[in-house]
ModelCIF file with pLDDT and N, C-alpha, C, O atoms, coordinates in Angstrom:
data_MODEL
#
_entry.id   MODEL 
#
_entity.id                         1 
_entity.type                       polymer 
_entity.pdbx_number_of_molecules   1 
#
_entity_poly.entity_id                      1 
_entity_poly.type                           'polypeptide(L)' 
_entity_poly.nstd_linkage                   no 
_entity_poly.nstd_monomer                   no 
_entity_poly.pdbx_seq_one_letter_code       STDGTISILEEFSKQYPEQVTIIKNDPPQGSAKDNFISLIQNSYGPYF 
_entity_poly.pdbx_seq_one_letter_code_can   STDGTISILEEFSKQYPEQVTIIKNDPPQGSAKDNFISLIQNSYGPYF 
_entity_poly.pdbx_strand_id                 A 
#
loop_
_entity_poly_seq.entity_id 
_entity_poly_seq.num 
_entity_poly_seq.mon_id 
_entity_poly_seq.hetero 
1 1  SER n 
1 2  THR n 
1 3  ASP n 
1 4  GLY n 
1 5  THR n 
1 6  ILE n 
1 7  SER n 
1 8  ILE n 
1 9  LEU n 
1 10 GLU n 
1 11 GLU n 
1 12 PHE n 
1 13 SER n 
1 14 LYS n 
1 15 GLN n 
1 16 TYR n 
1 17 PRO n 
1 18 GLU n 
1 19 GLN n 
1 20 VAL n 
1 21 THR n 
1 22 ILE n 
1 23 ILE n 
1 24 LYS n 
1 25 ASN n 
1 26 ASP n 
1 27 PRO n 
1 28 PRO n 
1 29 GLN n 
1 30 GLY n 
1 31 SER n 
1 32 ALA n 
1 33 LYS n 
1 34 ASP n 
1 35 ASN n 
1 36 PHE n 
1 37 ILE n 
1 38 SER n 
1 39 LEU n 
1 40 ILE n 
1 41 GLN n 
1 42 ASN n 
1 43 SER n 
1 44 TYR n 
1 45 GLY n 
1 46 PRO n 
1 47 TYR n 
1 48 PHE n 
#
_struct_asym.id          A 
_struct_asym.entity_id   1 
#
loop_
_ma_qa_metric.id 
_ma_qa_metric.mode 
_ma_qa_metric.name 
_ma_qa_metric.software_group_id 
_ma_qa_metric.type 
1 global pLDDT . pLDDT 
2 local  pLDDT . pLDDT 
#
_ma_qa_metric_global.metric_id      1 
_ma_qa_metric_global.metric_value   95.69 
_ma_qa_metric_global.model_id       1 
_ma_qa_metric_global.ordinal_id     1 
#
loop_
_ma_qa_metric_local.label_asym_id 
_ma_qa_metric_local.label_comp_id 
_ma_qa_metric_local.label_seq_id 
_ma_qa_metric_local.metric_id 
_ma_qa_metric_local.metric_value 
_ma_qa_metric_local.model_id 
_ma_qa_metric_local.ordinal_id 
A SER 1  2 98.00 1 1  
A THR 2  2 98.00 1 2  
A ASP 3  2 98.00 1 3  
A GLY 4  2 98.00 1 4  
A THR 5  2 98.00 1 5  
A ILE 6  2 98.00 1 6  
A SER 7  2 98.00 1 7  
A ILE 8  2 98.00 1 8  
A LEU 9  2 98.00 1 9  
A GLU 10 2 98.00 1 10 
A GLU 11 2 98.00 1 11 
A PHE 12 2 98.00 1 12 
A SER 13 2 98.00 1 13 
A LYS 14 2 98.00 1 14 
A GLN 15 2 98.00 1 15 
A TYR 16 2 98.00 1 16 
A PRO 17 2 97.00 1 17 
A GLU 18 2 97.00 1 18 
A GLN 19 2 98.00 1 19 
A VAL 20 2 98.00 1 20 
A THR 21 2 98.00 1 21 
A ILE 22 2 98.00 1 22 
A ILE 23 2 97.00 1 23 
A LYS 24 2 97.00 1 24 
A ASN 25 2 96.00 1 25 
A ASP 26 2 95.00 1 26 
A PRO 27 2 95.00 1 27 
A PRO 28 2 94.00 1 28 
A GLN 29 2 94.00 1 29 
A GLY 30 2 93.00 1 30 
A SER 31 2 92.00 1 31 
A ALA 32 2 92.00 1 32 
A LYS 33 2 90.00 1 33 
A ASP 34 2 92.00 1 34 
A ASN 35 2 95.00 1 35 
A PHE 36 2 94.00 1 36 
A ILE 37 2 91.00 1 37 
A SER 38 2 93.00 1 38 
A LEU 39 2 96.00 1 39 
A ILE 40 2 94.00 1 40 
A GLN 41 2 93.00 1 41 
A ASN 42 2 91.00 1 42 
A SER 43 2 94.00 1 43 
A TYR 44 2 92.00 1 44 
A GLY 45 2 87.00 1 45 
A PRO 46 2 96.00 1 46 
A TYR 47 2 98.00 1 47 
A PHE 48 2 98.00 1 48 
#
loop_
_atom_site.group_PDB 
_atom_site.id 
_atom_site.type_symbol 
_atom_site.label_atom_id 
_atom_site.label_alt_id 
_atom_site.label_comp_id 
_atom_site.label_asym_id 
_atom_site.label_entity_id 
_atom_site.label_seq_id 
_atom_site.pdbx_PDB_ins_code 
_atom_site.Cartn_x 
_atom_site.Cartn_y 
_atom_site.Cartn_z 
_atom_site.occupancy 
_atom_site.B_iso_or_equiv 
_atom_site.pdbx_formal_charge 
_atom_site.auth_seq_id 
_atom_site.auth_comp_id 
_atom_site.auth_asym_id 
_atom_site.auth_atom_id 
_atom_site.pdbx_PDB_model_num 
ATOM 1   N N  . SER A 1 1  ? 43.266 49.245 10.443 1.00 98.00 ? 1  SER A N  1 
ATOM 2   C CA . SER A 1 1  ? 42.789 49.756 11.584 1.00 98.00 ? 1  SER A CA 1 
ATOM 3   C C  . SER A 1 1  ? 44.068 50.031 12.537 1.00 98.00 ? 1  SER A C  1 
ATOM 4   O O  . SER A 1 1  ? 44.826 49.126 12.885 1.00 98.00 ? 1  SER A O  1 
ATOM 5   N N  . THR A 1 2  ? 44.229 51.456 12.939 1.00 98.00 ? 2  THR A N  1 
ATOM 6   C CA . THR A 1 2  ? 45.004 52.060 13.880 1.00 98.00 ? 2  THR A CA 1 
ATOM 7   C C  . THR A 1 2  ? 44.772 51.897 15.347 1.00 98.00 ? 2  THR A C  1 
ATOM 8   O O  . THR A 1 2  ? 45.639 51.845 16.219 1.00 98.00 ? 2  THR A O  1 
ATOM 9   N N  . ASP A 1 3  ? 43.781 51.840 15.459 1.00 98.00 ? 3  ASP A N  1 
ATOM 10  C CA . ASP A 1 3  ? 42.918 51.824 17.042 1.00 98.00 ? 3  ASP A CA 1 
ATOM 11  C C  . ASP A 1 3  ? 43.035 50.609 17.690 1.00 98.00 ? 3  ASP A C  1 
ATOM 12  O O  . ASP A 1 3  ? 44.022 49.879 17.595 1.00 98.00 ? 3  ASP A O  1 
ATOM 13  N N  . GLY A 1 4  ? 41.958 50.356 18.405 1.00 98.00 ? 4  GLY A N  1 
ATOM 14  C CA . GLY A 1 4  ? 41.895 48.785 19.171 1.00 98.00 ? 4  GLY A CA 1 
ATOM 15  C C  . GLY A 1 4  ? 41.021 47.951 18.278 1.00 98.00 ? 4  GLY A C  1 
ATOM 16  O O  . GLY A 1 4  ? 40.489 46.961 18.781 1.00 98.00 ? 4  GLY A O  1 
ATOM 17  N N  . THR A 1 5  ? 40.846 48.181 17.236 1.00 98.00 ? 5  THR A N  1 
ATOM 18  C CA . THR A 1 5  ? 39.884 47.483 16.445 1.00 98.00 ? 5  THR A CA 1 
ATOM 19  C C  . THR A 1 5  ? 40.416 46.077 16.117 1.00 98.00 ? 5  THR A C  1 
ATOM 20  O O  . THR A 1 5  ? 39.550 45.202 16.105 1.00 98.00 ? 5  THR A O  1 
ATOM 21  N N  . ILE A 1 6  ? 41.374 45.785 15.912 1.00 98.00 ? 6  ILE A N  1 
ATOM 22  C CA . ILE A 1 6  ? 42.000 44.341 15.737 1.00 98.00 ? 6  ILE A CA 1 
ATOM 23  C C  . ILE A 1 6  ? 41.827 43.729 17.081 1.00 98.00 ? 6  ILE A C  1 
ATOM 24  O O  . ILE A 1 6  ? 41.218 42.664 17.188 1.00 98.00 ? 6  ILE A O  1 
ATOM 25  N N  . SER A 1 7  ? 42.314 44.324 18.082 1.00 98.00 ? 7  SER A N  1 
ATOM 26  C CA . SER A 1 7  ? 42.356 43.585 19.487 1.00 98.00 ? 7  SER A CA 1 
ATOM 27  C C  . SER A 1 7  ? 40.809 43.044 19.681 1.00 98.00 ? 7  SER A C  1 
ATOM 28  O O  . SER A 1 7  ? 40.593 41.869 19.981 1.00 98.00 ? 7  SER A O  1 
ATOM 29  N N  . ILE A 1 8  ? 39.766 43.991 19.485 1.00 98.00 ? 8  ILE A N  1 
ATOM 30  C CA . ILE A 1 8  ? 38.517 43.751 19.657 1.00 98.00 ? 8  ILE A CA 1 
ATOM 31  C C  . ILE A 1 8  ? 38.016 42.266 18.810 1.00 98.00 ? 8  ILE A C  1 
ATOM 32  O O  . ILE A 1 8  ? 37.432 41.288 19.277 1.00 98.00 ? 8  ILE A O  1 
ATOM 33  N N  . LEU A 1 9  ? 38.400 42.476 17.668 1.00 98.00 ? 9  LEU A N  1 
ATOM 34  C CA . LEU A 1 9  ? 38.296 41.292 16.719 1.00 98.00 ? 9  LEU A CA 1 
ATOM 35  C C  . LEU A 1 9  ? 38.843 39.844 17.284 1.00 98.00 ? 9  LEU A C  1 
ATOM 36  O O  . LEU A 1 9  ? 38.261 38.763 17.383 1.00 98.00 ? 9  LEU A O  1 
ATOM 37  N N  . GLU A 1 10 ? 40.134 40.224 17.602 1.00 98.00 ? 10 GLU A N  1 
ATOM 38  C CA . GLU A 1 10 ? 40.958 38.715 18.013 1.00 98.00 ? 10 GLU A CA 1 
ATOM 39  C C  . GLU A 1 10 ? 40.459 38.390 19.463 1.00 98.00 ? 10 GLU A C  1 
ATOM 40  O O  . GLU A 1 10 ? 40.684 37.244 19.850 1.00 98.00 ? 10 GLU A O  1 
ATOM 41  N N  . GLU A 1 11 ? 39.901 39.124 20.198 1.00 98.00 ? 11 GLU A N  1 
ATOM 42  C CA . GLU A 1 11 ? 39.175 38.598 21.443 1.00 98.00 ? 11 GLU A CA 1 
ATOM 43  C C  . GLU A 1 11 ? 37.631 37.917 21.119 1.00 98.00 ? 11 GLU A C  1 
ATOM 44  O O  . GLU A 1 11 ? 37.212 36.882 21.638 1.00 98.00 ? 11 GLU A O  1 
ATOM 45  N N  . PHE A 1 12 ? 37.054 38.584 20.339 1.00 98.00 ? 12 PHE A N  1 
ATOM 46  C CA . PHE A 1 12 ? 35.901 37.707 19.855 1.00 98.00 ? 12 PHE A CA 1 
ATOM 47  C C  . PHE A 1 12 ? 36.322 36.428 19.231 1.00 98.00 ? 12 PHE A C  1 
ATOM 48  O O  . PHE A 1 12 ? 35.709 35.401 19.523 1.00 98.00 ? 12 PHE A O  1 
ATOM 49  N N  . SER A 1 13 ? 37.337 36.399 18.378 1.00 98.00 ? 13 SER A N  1 
ATOM 50  C CA . SER A 1 13 ? 37.568 35.194 17.817 1.00 98.00 ? 13 SER A CA 1 
ATOM 51  C C  . SER A 1 13 ? 37.980 34.189 18.436 1.00 98.00 ? 13 SER A C  1 
ATOM 52  O O  . SER A 1 13 ? 38.001 33.064 17.937 1.00 98.00 ? 13 SER A O  1 
ATOM 53  N N  . LYS A 1 14 ? 38.495 34.564 20.017 1.00 98.00 ? 14 LYS A N  1 
ATOM 54  C CA . LYS A 1 14 ? 38.835 33.459 20.893 1.00 98.00 ? 14 LYS A CA 1 
ATOM 55  C C  . LYS A 1 14 ? 37.508 33.053 21.387 1.00 98.00 ? 14 LYS A C  1 
ATOM 56  O O  . LYS A 1 14 ? 37.585 31.861 21.684 1.00 98.00 ? 14 LYS A O  1 
ATOM 57  N N  . GLN A 1 15 ? 36.330 33.511 21.608 1.00 98.00 ? 15 GLN A N  1 
ATOM 58  C CA . GLN A 1 15 ? 35.172 33.121 22.026 1.00 98.00 ? 15 GLN A CA 1 
ATOM 59  C C  . GLN A 1 15 ? 34.545 32.273 20.809 1.00 98.00 ? 15 GLN A C  1 
ATOM 60  O O  . GLN A 1 15 ? 33.748 31.363 21.036 1.00 98.00 ? 15 GLN A O  1 
ATOM 61  N N  . TYR A 1 16 ? 34.892 32.572 19.681 1.00 98.00 ? 16 TYR A N  1 
ATOM 62  C CA . TYR A 1 16 ? 34.244 31.744 18.586 1.00 98.00 ? 16 TYR A CA 1 
ATOM 63  C C  . TYR A 1 16 ? 35.237 31.367 17.525 1.00 98.00 ? 16 TYR A C  1 
ATOM 64  O O  . TYR A 1 16 ? 35.188 31.753 16.357 1.00 98.00 ? 16 TYR A O  1 
ATOM 65  N N  . PRO A 1 17 ? 36.167 30.553 18.058 1.00 97.00 ? 17 PRO A N  1 
ATOM 66  C CA . PRO A 1 17 ? 37.512 30.266 17.123 1.00 97.00 ? 17 PRO A CA 1 
ATOM 67  C C  . PRO A 1 17 ? 36.998 29.471 15.796 1.00 97.00 ? 17 PRO A C  1 
ATOM 68  O O  . PRO A 1 17 ? 37.652 29.404 14.755 1.00 97.00 ? 17 PRO A O  1 
ATOM 69  N N  . GLU A 1 18 ? 35.673 28.858 16.011 1.00 97.00 ? 18 GLU A N  1 
ATOM 70  C CA . GLU A 1 18 ? 35.493 28.124 14.518 1.00 97.00 ? 18 GLU A CA 1 
ATOM 71  C C  . GLU A 1 18 ? 34.640 28.729 13.700 1.00 97.00 ? 18 GLU A C  1 
ATOM 72  O O  . GLU A 1 18 ? 34.221 28.326 12.615 1.00 97.00 ? 18 GLU A O  1 
ATOM 73  N N  . GLN A 1 19 ? 34.415 29.652 14.230 1.00 98.00 ? 19 GLN A N  1 
ATOM 74  C CA . GLN A 1 19 ? 33.236 31.076 13.646 1.00 98.00 ? 19 GLN A CA 1 
ATOM 75  C C  . GLN A 1 19 ? 33.602 32.079 13.040 1.00 98.00 ? 19 GLN A C  1 
ATOM 76  O O  . GLN A 1 19 ? 32.936 32.655 12.179 1.00 98.00 ? 19 GLN A O  1 
ATOM 77  N N  . VAL A 1 20 ? 34.785 32.418 13.455 1.00 98.00 ? 20 VAL A N  1 
ATOM 78  C CA . VAL A 1 20 ? 35.398 33.662 13.138 1.00 98.00 ? 20 VAL A CA 1 
ATOM 79  C C  . VAL A 1 20 ? 36.580 33.731 12.128 1.00 98.00 ? 20 VAL A C  1 
ATOM 80  O O  . VAL A 1 20 ? 37.437 32.878 12.362 1.00 98.00 ? 20 VAL A O  1 
ATOM 81  N N  . THR A 1 21 ? 36.829 34.507 11.102 1.00 98.00 ? 21 THR A N  1 
ATOM 82  C CA . THR A 1 21 ? 37.865 34.731 10.345 1.00 98.00 ? 21 THR A CA 1 
ATOM 83  C C  . THR A 1 21 ? 38.169 36.316 10.158 1.00 98.00 ? 21 THR A C  1 
ATOM 84  O O  . THR A 1 21 ? 37.397 37.160 9.703  1.00 98.00 ? 21 THR A O  1 
ATOM 85  N N  . ILE A 1 22 ? 39.651 36.521 10.684 1.00 98.00 ? 22 ILE A N  1 
ATOM 86  C CA . ILE A 1 22 ? 39.962 37.855 10.334 1.00 98.00 ? 22 ILE A CA 1 
ATOM 87  C C  . ILE A 1 22 ? 40.938 37.882 9.222  1.00 98.00 ? 22 ILE A C  1 
ATOM 88  O O  . ILE A 1 22 ? 41.925 37.148 9.172  1.00 98.00 ? 22 ILE A O  1 
ATOM 89  N N  . ILE A 1 23 ? 40.560 38.917 8.177  1.00 97.00 ? 23 ILE A N  1 
ATOM 90  C CA . ILE A 1 23 ? 41.690 39.190 7.145  1.00 97.00 ? 23 ILE A CA 1 
ATOM 91  C C  . ILE A 1 23 ? 42.082 40.770 7.345  1.00 97.00 ? 23 ILE A C  1 
ATOM 92  O O  . ILE A 1 23 ? 41.290 41.706 7.462  1.00 97.00 ? 23 ILE A O  1 
ATOM 93  N N  . LYS A 1 24 ? 43.301 40.813 7.352  1.00 97.00 ? 24 LYS A N  1 
ATOM 94  C CA . LYS A 1 24 ? 43.914 41.953 7.585  1.00 97.00 ? 24 LYS A CA 1 
ATOM 95  C C  . LYS A 1 24 ? 44.359 42.424 6.167  1.00 97.00 ? 24 LYS A C  1 
ATOM 96  O O  . LYS A 1 24 ? 45.372 41.907 5.695  1.00 97.00 ? 24 LYS A O  1 
ATOM 97  N N  . ASN A 1 25 ? 43.636 43.428 5.401  1.00 96.00 ? 25 ASN A N  1 
ATOM 98  C CA . ASN A 1 25 ? 44.124 43.573 4.213  1.00 96.00 ? 25 ASN A CA 1 
ATOM 99  C C  . ASN A 1 25 ? 45.374 44.477 3.987  1.00 96.00 ? 25 ASN A C  1 
ATOM 100 O O  . ASN A 1 25 ? 45.520 45.515 4.633  1.00 96.00 ? 25 ASN A O  1 
ATOM 101 N N  . ASP A 1 26 ? 46.156 44.109 3.174  1.00 95.00 ? 26 ASP A N  1 
ATOM 102 C CA . ASP A 1 26 ? 47.658 44.617 2.849  1.00 95.00 ? 26 ASP A CA 1 
ATOM 103 C C  . ASP A 1 26 ? 47.903 44.348 1.677  1.00 95.00 ? 26 ASP A C  1 
ATOM 104 O O  . ASP A 1 26 ? 48.343 43.230 1.410  1.00 95.00 ? 26 ASP A O  1 
ATOM 105 N N  . PRO A 1 27 ? 47.675 45.326 0.643  1.00 95.00 ? 27 PRO A N  1 
ATOM 106 C CA . PRO A 1 27 ? 47.662 46.803 1.101  1.00 95.00 ? 27 PRO A CA 1 
ATOM 107 C C  . PRO A 1 27 ? 45.969 46.994 1.395  1.00 95.00 ? 27 PRO A C  1 
ATOM 108 O O  . PRO A 1 27 ? 45.185 46.160 0.943  1.00 95.00 ? 27 PRO A O  1 
ATOM 109 N N  . PRO A 1 28 ? 45.575 47.964 2.054  1.00 94.00 ? 28 PRO A N  1 
ATOM 110 C CA . PRO A 1 28 ? 44.189 48.286 2.436  1.00 94.00 ? 28 PRO A CA 1 
ATOM 111 C C  . PRO A 1 28 ? 43.317 48.373 1.075  1.00 94.00 ? 28 PRO A C  1 
ATOM 112 O O  . PRO A 1 28 ? 43.841 48.809 0.050  1.00 94.00 ? 28 PRO A O  1 
ATOM 113 N N  . GLN A 1 29 ? 42.343 48.063 1.093  1.00 94.00 ? 29 GLN A N  1 
ATOM 114 C CA . GLN A 1 29 ? 41.389 48.028 -0.153 1.00 94.00 ? 29 GLN A CA 1 
ATOM 115 C C  . GLN A 1 29 ? 40.977 49.456 -0.425 1.00 94.00 ? 29 GLN A C  1 
ATOM 116 O O  . GLN A 1 29 ? 40.465 49.848 -1.474 1.00 94.00 ? 29 GLN A O  1 
ATOM 117 N N  . GLY A 1 30 ? 41.277 50.242 0.712  1.00 93.00 ? 30 GLY A N  1 
ATOM 118 C CA . GLY A 1 30 ? 41.076 51.730 0.328  1.00 93.00 ? 30 GLY A CA 1 
ATOM 119 C C  . GLY A 1 30 ? 39.582 52.282 0.294  1.00 93.00 ? 30 GLY A C  1 
ATOM 120 O O  . GLY A 1 30 ? 39.452 53.458 -0.045 1.00 93.00 ? 30 GLY A O  1 
ATOM 121 N N  . SER A 1 31 ? 38.361 51.498 0.635  1.00 92.00 ? 31 SER A N  1 
ATOM 122 C CA . SER A 1 31 ? 37.039 51.922 0.729  1.00 92.00 ? 31 SER A CA 1 
ATOM 123 C C  . SER A 1 31 ? 36.316 50.986 1.186  1.00 92.00 ? 31 SER A C  1 
ATOM 124 O O  . SER A 1 31 ? 36.771 49.853 1.037  1.00 92.00 ? 31 SER A O  1 
ATOM 125 N N  . ALA A 1 32 ? 35.128 51.114 1.803  1.00 92.00 ? 32 ALA A N  1 
ATOM 126 C CA . ALA A 1 32 ? 34.406 50.099 2.207  1.00 92.00 ? 32 ALA A CA 1 
ATOM 127 C C  . ALA A 1 32 ? 34.040 49.353 1.024  1.00 92.00 ? 32 ALA A C  1 
ATOM 128 O O  . ALA A 1 32 ? 34.562 48.243 0.923  1.00 92.00 ? 32 ALA A O  1 
ATOM 129 N N  . LYS A 1 33 ? 33.249 49.728 0.103  1.00 90.00 ? 33 LYS A N  1 
ATOM 130 C CA . LYS A 1 33 ? 32.834 49.423 -1.097 1.00 90.00 ? 33 LYS A CA 1 
ATOM 131 C C  . LYS A 1 33 ? 33.839 48.377 -1.611 1.00 90.00 ? 33 LYS A C  1 
ATOM 132 O O  . LYS A 1 33 ? 33.311 47.276 -1.766 1.00 90.00 ? 33 LYS A O  1 
ATOM 133 N N  . ASP A 1 34 ? 34.859 48.417 -1.851 1.00 92.00 ? 34 ASP A N  1 
ATOM 134 C CA . ASP A 1 34 ? 35.952 47.693 -2.498 1.00 92.00 ? 34 ASP A CA 1 
ATOM 135 C C  . ASP A 1 34 ? 36.431 46.604 -1.148 1.00 92.00 ? 34 ASP A C  1 
ATOM 136 O O  . ASP A 1 34 ? 36.974 45.533 -1.418 1.00 92.00 ? 34 ASP A O  1 
ATOM 137 N N  . ASN A 1 35 ? 36.192 46.967 0.142  1.00 95.00 ? 35 ASN A N  1 
ATOM 138 C CA . ASN A 1 35 ? 36.584 45.837 1.281  1.00 95.00 ? 35 ASN A CA 1 
ATOM 139 C C  . ASN A 1 35 ? 35.449 44.774 1.302  1.00 95.00 ? 35 ASN A C  1 
ATOM 140 O O  . ASN A 1 35 ? 35.721 43.595 1.526  1.00 95.00 ? 35 ASN A O  1 
ATOM 141 N N  . PHE A 1 36 ? 33.951 45.265 1.029  1.00 94.00 ? 36 PHE A N  1 
ATOM 142 C CA . PHE A 1 36 ? 33.058 44.125 0.949  1.00 94.00 ? 36 PHE A CA 1 
ATOM 143 C C  . PHE A 1 36 ? 33.175 43.487 -0.369 1.00 94.00 ? 36 PHE A C  1 
ATOM 144 O O  . PHE A 1 36 ? 32.803 42.313 -0.348 1.00 94.00 ? 36 PHE A O  1 
ATOM 145 N N  . ILE A 1 37 ? 33.566 43.897 -1.463 1.00 91.00 ? 37 ILE A N  1 
ATOM 146 C CA . ILE A 1 37 ? 33.442 43.117 -2.700 1.00 91.00 ? 37 ILE A CA 1 
ATOM 147 C C  . ILE A 1 37 ? 34.765 42.094 -2.368 1.00 91.00 ? 37 ILE A C  1 
ATOM 148 O O  . ILE A 1 37 ? 34.588 40.888 -2.540 1.00 91.00 ? 37 ILE A O  1 
ATOM 149 N N  . SER A 1 38 ? 36.169 42.605 -1.864 1.00 93.00 ? 38 SER A N  1 
ATOM 150 C CA . SER A 1 38 ? 36.935 41.657 -1.573 1.00 93.00 ? 38 SER A CA 1 
ATOM 151 C C  . SER A 1 38 ? 36.517 40.448 -0.513 1.00 93.00 ? 38 SER A C  1 
ATOM 152 O O  . SER A 1 38 ? 37.022 39.331 -0.623 1.00 93.00 ? 38 SER A O  1 
ATOM 153 N N  . LEU A 1 39 ? 35.515 40.779 0.561  1.00 96.00 ? 39 LEU A N  1 
ATOM 154 C CA . LEU A 1 39 ? 35.120 39.651 1.031  1.00 96.00 ? 39 LEU A CA 1 
ATOM 155 C C  . LEU A 1 39 ? 33.913 38.814 0.612  1.00 96.00 ? 39 LEU A C  1 
ATOM 156 O O  . LEU A 1 39 ? 33.599 37.741 1.127  1.00 96.00 ? 39 LEU A O  1 
ATOM 157 N N  . ILE A 1 40 ? 33.292 39.415 -0.357 1.00 94.00 ? 40 ILE A N  1 
ATOM 158 C CA . ILE A 1 40 ? 32.307 38.458 -0.816 1.00 94.00 ? 40 ILE A CA 1 
ATOM 159 C C  . ILE A 1 40 ? 32.874 37.499 -1.980 1.00 94.00 ? 40 ILE A C  1 
ATOM 160 O O  . ILE A 1 40 ? 32.408 36.438 -2.396 1.00 94.00 ? 40 ILE A O  1 
ATOM 161 N N  . GLN A 1 41 ? 34.056 38.226 -2.385 1.00 93.00 ? 41 GLN A N  1 
ATOM 162 C CA . GLN A 1 41 ? 34.659 37.227 -3.564 1.00 93.00 ? 41 GLN A CA 1 
ATOM 163 C C  . GLN A 1 41 ? 35.317 36.196 -2.916 1.00 93.00 ? 41 GLN A C  1 
ATOM 164 O O  . GLN A 1 41 ? 35.556 35.240 -3.655 1.00 93.00 ? 41 GLN A O  1 
ATOM 165 N N  . ASN A 1 42 ? 35.798 36.054 -1.415 1.00 91.00 ? 42 ASN A N  1 
ATOM 166 C CA . ASN A 1 42 ? 36.593 35.203 -0.707 1.00 91.00 ? 42 ASN A CA 1 
ATOM 167 C C  . ASN A 1 42 ? 35.612 34.331 0.572  1.00 91.00 ? 42 ASN A C  1 
ATOM 168 O O  . ASN A 1 42 ? 35.993 34.017 1.699  1.00 91.00 ? 42 ASN A O  1 
ATOM 169 N N  . SER A 1 43 ? 34.575 34.149 0.082  1.00 94.00 ? 43 SER A N  1 
ATOM 170 C CA . SER A 1 43 ? 33.705 33.867 0.977  1.00 94.00 ? 43 SER A CA 1 
ATOM 171 C C  . SER A 1 43 ? 32.593 32.751 0.477  1.00 94.00 ? 43 SER A C  1 
ATOM 172 O O  . SER A 1 43 ? 32.132 32.819 -0.663 1.00 94.00 ? 43 SER A O  1 
ATOM 173 N N  . TYR A 1 44 ? 32.280 31.941 1.205  1.00 92.00 ? 44 TYR A N  1 
ATOM 174 C CA . TYR A 1 44 ? 31.043 31.017 0.718  1.00 92.00 ? 44 TYR A CA 1 
ATOM 175 C C  . TYR A 1 44 ? 29.772 30.719 1.625  1.00 92.00 ? 44 TYR A C  1 
ATOM 176 O O  . TYR A 1 44 ? 29.851 30.602 2.848  1.00 92.00 ? 44 TYR A O  1 
ATOM 177 N N  . GLY A 1 45 ? 28.547 30.604 0.872  1.00 87.00 ? 45 GLY A N  1 
ATOM 178 C CA . GLY A 1 45 ? 27.620 30.671 1.541  1.00 87.00 ? 45 GLY A CA 1 
ATOM 179 C C  . GLY A 1 45 ? 26.815 29.241 2.122  1.00 87.00 ? 45 GLY A C  1 
ATOM 180 O O  . GLY A 1 45 ? 27.516 28.408 2.696  1.00 87.00 ? 45 GLY A O  1 
ATOM 181 N N  . PRO A 1 46 ? 25.411 28.991 1.969  1.00 96.00 ? 46 PRO A N  1 
ATOM 182 C CA . PRO A 1 46 ? 24.727 29.579 0.820  1.00 96.00 ? 46 PRO A CA 1 
ATOM 183 C C  . PRO A 1 46 ? 24.382 31.365 0.876  1.00 96.00 ? 46 PRO A C  1 
ATOM 184 O O  . PRO A 1 46 ? 24.371 32.127 -0.091 1.00 96.00 ? 46 PRO A O  1 
ATOM 185 N N  . TYR A 1 47 ? 24.153 31.661 2.135  1.00 98.00 ? 47 TYR A N  1 
ATOM 186 C CA . TYR A 1 47 ? 23.809 32.955 2.041  1.00 98.00 ? 47 TYR A CA 1 
ATOM 187 C C  . TYR A 1 47 ? 24.404 34.092 2.720  1.00 98.00 ? 47 TYR A C  1 
ATOM 188 O O  . TYR A 1 47 ? 25.020 33.832 3.754  1.00 98.00 ? 47 TYR A O  1 
ATOM 189 N N  . PHE A 1 48 ? 24.340 35.317 2.336  1.00 98.00 ? 48 PHE A N  1 
ATOM 190 C CA . PHE A 1 48 ? 25.578 36.289 2.896  1.00 98.00 ? 48 PHE A CA 1 
ATOM 191 C C  . PHE A 1 48 ? 25.003 37.384 3.340  1.00 98.00 ? 48 PHE A C  1 
ATOM 192 O O  . PHE A 1 48 ? 25.686 38.290 3.818  1.00 98.00 ? 48 PHE A O  1 
#
């Protein structure tokens, strides 16, 4: 993101520091599909 998205996320993370993880994809995944697949590969549940 090149707009204010990261700032909004970081502000929210400050409110819920134990519950929010922000991953900045570098390089970008390139699509919403690949972004979601990467997220599910790197998360744990039991529900998603």
